[in-house]
Amino acid sequence: LSQQVIVPVQHPERALPKVEEWLHYRRTDQEQDIREDQKRMEQAKKLLLSTPLSIAEVSERSGYGNYRVFTKAFKKSEGVTPSQYRRNFLEE
């Protein structure tokens, strides 16, 4: 957790439900972000294999605002760069 939760010293029992609620919503938001990232990555993979679009265009159409961010996320997710992914598929 990057944020600190301050618990009032006089009544810590009042803070516990708030902390649990905050943690629940934080976890839910993170799970939603992960699902959205997975959808964007699936869209990018489809575009890479089914269109002649440039990597920058695939990045843009997949919802990544920045080509470098896309390439880094793709490599982290798939273990290869988008260009390598496309090349590997075409070689098969």
C-alpha atoms as a PDB file:
ATOM      1  CA  LEU A   1       0.000   0.000   0.000  1.00  0.00           C
ATOM      2  CA  SER A   2       1.461   3.307  -0.995  1.00  0.00           C
ATOM      3  CA  GLN A   3      -0.922   5.364   1.094  1.00  0.00           C
ATOM      4  CA  GLN A   4      -1.025   5.513   4.844  1.00  0.00           C
ATOM      5  CA  VAL A   5      -4.223   5.071   6.769  1.00  0.00           C
ATOM      6  CA  ILE A   6      -4.426   7.174   9.911  1.00  0.00           C
ATOM      7  CA  VAL A   7      -6.431   5.597  12.710  1.00  0.00           C
ATOM      8  CA  PRO A   8      -7.754   7.865  15.444  1.00  0.00           C
ATOM      9  CA  VAL A   9      -6.094   6.837  18.689  1.00  0.00           C
ATOM     10  CA  GLN A  10      -9.200   7.379  20.824  1.00  0.00           C
ATOM     11  CA  HIS A  11     -11.502   5.098  18.807  1.00  0.00           C
ATOM     12  CA  PRO A  12      -9.560   2.671  16.597  1.00  0.00           C
ATOM     13  CA  GLU A  13     -12.599   0.366  16.344  1.00  0.00           C
ATOM     14  CA  ARG A  14     -14.426   3.071  14.374  1.00  0.00           C
ATOM     15  CA  ALA A  15     -11.694   3.200  11.782  1.00  0.00           C
ATOM     16  CA  LEU A  16     -11.553  -0.540  11.067  1.00  0.00           C
ATOM     17  CA  PRO A  17     -14.731  -0.687   8.927  1.00  0.00           C
ATOM     18  CA  LYS A  18     -13.485   2.321   6.938  1.00  0.00           C
ATOM     19  CA  VAL A  19     -10.108   0.697   6.367  1.00  0.00           C
ATOM     20  CA  GLU A  20     -11.753  -2.571   5.277  1.00  0.00           C
ATOM     21  CA  GLU A  21     -14.069  -0.675   2.939  1.00  0.00           C
ATOM     22  CA  TRP A  22     -11.156   1.276   1.451  1.00  0.00           C
ATOM     23  CA  LEU A  23      -9.143  -1.932   0.937  1.00  0.00           C
ATOM     24  CA  HIS A  24     -12.124  -3.616  -0.730  1.00  0.00           C
ATOM     25  CA  TYR A  25     -12.628  -0.761  -3.197  1.00  0.00           C
ATOM     26  CA  ARG A  26      -8.895  -0.498  -3.851  1.00  0.00           C
ATOM     27  CA  ARG A  27      -8.700  -4.243  -4.601  1.00  0.00           C
ATOM     28  CA  THR A  28     -11.813  -4.040  -6.811  1.00  0.00           C
ATOM     29  CA  ASP A  29     -10.328  -1.114  -8.757  1.00  0.00           C
ATOM     30  CA  GLN A  30      -7.063  -2.988  -9.260  1.00  0.00           C
ATOM     31  CA  GLU A  31      -8.900  -6.094 -10.484  1.00  0.00           C
ATOM     32  CA  GLN A  32     -10.885  -3.978 -12.942  1.00  0.00           C
ATOM     33  CA  ASP A  33      -7.672  -2.343 -14.196  1.00  0.00           C
ATOM     34  CA  ILE A  34      -6.125  -5.783 -14.742  1.00  0.00           C
ATOM     35  CA  ARG A  35      -9.162  -6.968 -16.715  1.00  0.00           C
ATOM     36  CA  GLU A  36      -9.107  -3.834 -18.871  1.00  0.00           C
ATOM     37  CA  ASP A  37      -5.376  -4.275 -19.525  1.00  0.00           C
ATOM     38  CA  GLN A  38      -5.970  -7.892 -20.532  1.00  0.00           C
ATOM     39  CA  LYS A  39      -8.717  -6.840 -22.962  1.00  0.00           C
ATOM     40  CA  ARG A  40      -6.472  -4.201 -24.506  1.00  0.00           C
ATOM     41  CA  MET A  41      -3.654  -6.733 -24.845  1.00  0.00           C
ATOM     42  CA  GLU A  42      -5.961  -9.265 -26.520  1.00  0.00           C
ATOM     43  CA  GLN A  43      -7.125  -6.571 -28.940  1.00  0.00           C
ATOM     44  CA  ALA A  44      -3.512  -5.670 -29.717  1.00  0.00           C
ATOM     45  CA  LYS A  45      -2.588  -9.300 -30.388  1.00  0.00           C
ATOM     46  CA  LYS A  46      -5.533  -9.699 -32.756  1.00  0.00           C
ATOM     47  CA  LEU A  47      -4.579  -6.544 -34.627  1.00  0.00           C
ATOM     48  CA  LEU A  48      -0.937  -7.586 -34.855  1.00  0.00           C
ATOM     49  CA  LEU A  49      -1.830 -10.915 -36.422  1.00  0.00           C
ATOM     50  CA  SER A  50      -4.749  -9.902 -38.625  1.00  0.00           C
ATOM     51  CA  THR A  51      -3.794  -6.485 -40.006  1.00  0.00           C
ATOM     52  CA  PRO A  52      -0.790  -4.835 -41.625  1.00  0.00           C
ATOM     53  CA  LEU A  53      -1.051  -1.889 -39.200  1.00  0.00           C
ATOM     54  CA  SER A  54       2.159  -0.461 -37.833  1.00  0.00           C
ATOM     55  CA  ILE A  55       2.993  -1.137 -34.195  1.00  0.00           C
ATOM     56  CA  ALA A  56       2.207   2.513 -33.408  1.00  0.00           C
ATOM     57  CA  GLU A  57      -1.234   2.178 -35.020  1.00  0.00           C
ATOM     58  CA  VAL A  58      -1.903  -1.076 -33.145  1.00  0.00           C
ATOM     59  CA  SER A  59      -0.867   0.686 -29.945  1.00  0.00           C
ATOM     60  CA  GLU A  60      -3.276   3.533 -30.607  1.00  0.00           C
ATOM     61  CA  ARG A  61      -6.204   1.321 -31.613  1.00  0.00           C
ATOM     62  CA  SER A  62      -5.699  -0.854 -28.550  1.00  0.00           C
ATOM     63  CA  GLY A  63      -6.081   2.085 -26.209  1.00  0.00           C
ATOM     64  CA  TYR A  64      -2.451   2.736 -25.342  1.00  0.00           C
ATOM     65  CA  GLY A  65      -1.660   6.411 -25.515  1.00  0.00           C
ATOM     66  CA  ASN A  66       2.038   5.920 -25.988  1.00  0.00           C
ATOM     67  CA  TYR A  67       3.905   3.531 -28.289  1.00  0.00           C
ATOM     68  CA  ARG A  68       6.713   2.982 -25.771  1.00  0.00           C
ATOM     69  CA  VAL A  69       4.283   2.223 -22.941  1.00  0.00           C
ATOM     70  CA  PHE A  70       2.519  -0.272 -25.210  1.00  0.00           C
ATOM     71  CA  THR A  71       5.744  -1.991 -26.239  1.00  0.00           C
ATOM     72  CA  LYS A  72       6.891  -2.277 -22.634  1.00  0.00           C
ATOM     73  CA  ALA A  73       3.498  -3.618 -21.464  1.00  0.00           C
ATOM     74  CA  PHE A  74       3.376  -6.054 -24.379  1.00  0.00           C
ATOM     75  CA  LYS A  75       6.830  -7.426 -23.651  1.00  0.00           C
ATOM     76  CA  LYS A  76       5.987  -7.793 -19.966  1.00  0.00           C
ATOM     77  CA  SER A  77       2.756  -9.628 -20.807  1.00  0.00           C
ATOM     78  CA  GLU A  78       3.892 -11.795 -23.725  1.00  0.00           C
ATOM     79  CA  GLY A  79       7.642 -12.096 -23.214  1.00  0.00           C
ATOM     80  CA  VAL A  80       8.432 -10.607 -26.642  1.00  0.00           C
ATOM     81  CA  THR A  81       8.018  -7.238 -28.313  1.00  0.00           C
ATOM     82  CA  PRO A  82       5.009  -6.659 -30.586  1.00  0.00           C
ATOM     83  CA  SER A  83       7.284  -6.889 -33.654  1.00  0.00           C
ATOM     84  CA  GLN A  84       8.751 -10.187 -32.470  1.00  0.00           C
ATOM     85  CA  TYR A  85       5.262 -11.519 -31.718  1.00  0.00           C
ATOM     86  CA  ARG A  86       4.082 -10.712 -35.249  1.00  0.00           C
ATOM     87  CA  ARG A  87       7.274 -12.068 -36.818  1.00  0.00           C
ATOM     88  CA  ASN A  88       7.103 -15.312 -34.809  1.00  0.00           C
ATOM     89  CA  PHE A  89       3.525 -15.894 -35.929  1.00  0.00           C
ATOM     90  CA  LEU A  90       4.284 -15.209 -39.586  1.00  0.00           C
ATOM     91  CA  GLU A  91       7.241 -17.621 -39.522  1.00  0.00           C
ATOM     92  CA  GLU A  92       5.054 -20.542 -38.431  1.00  0.00           C
END
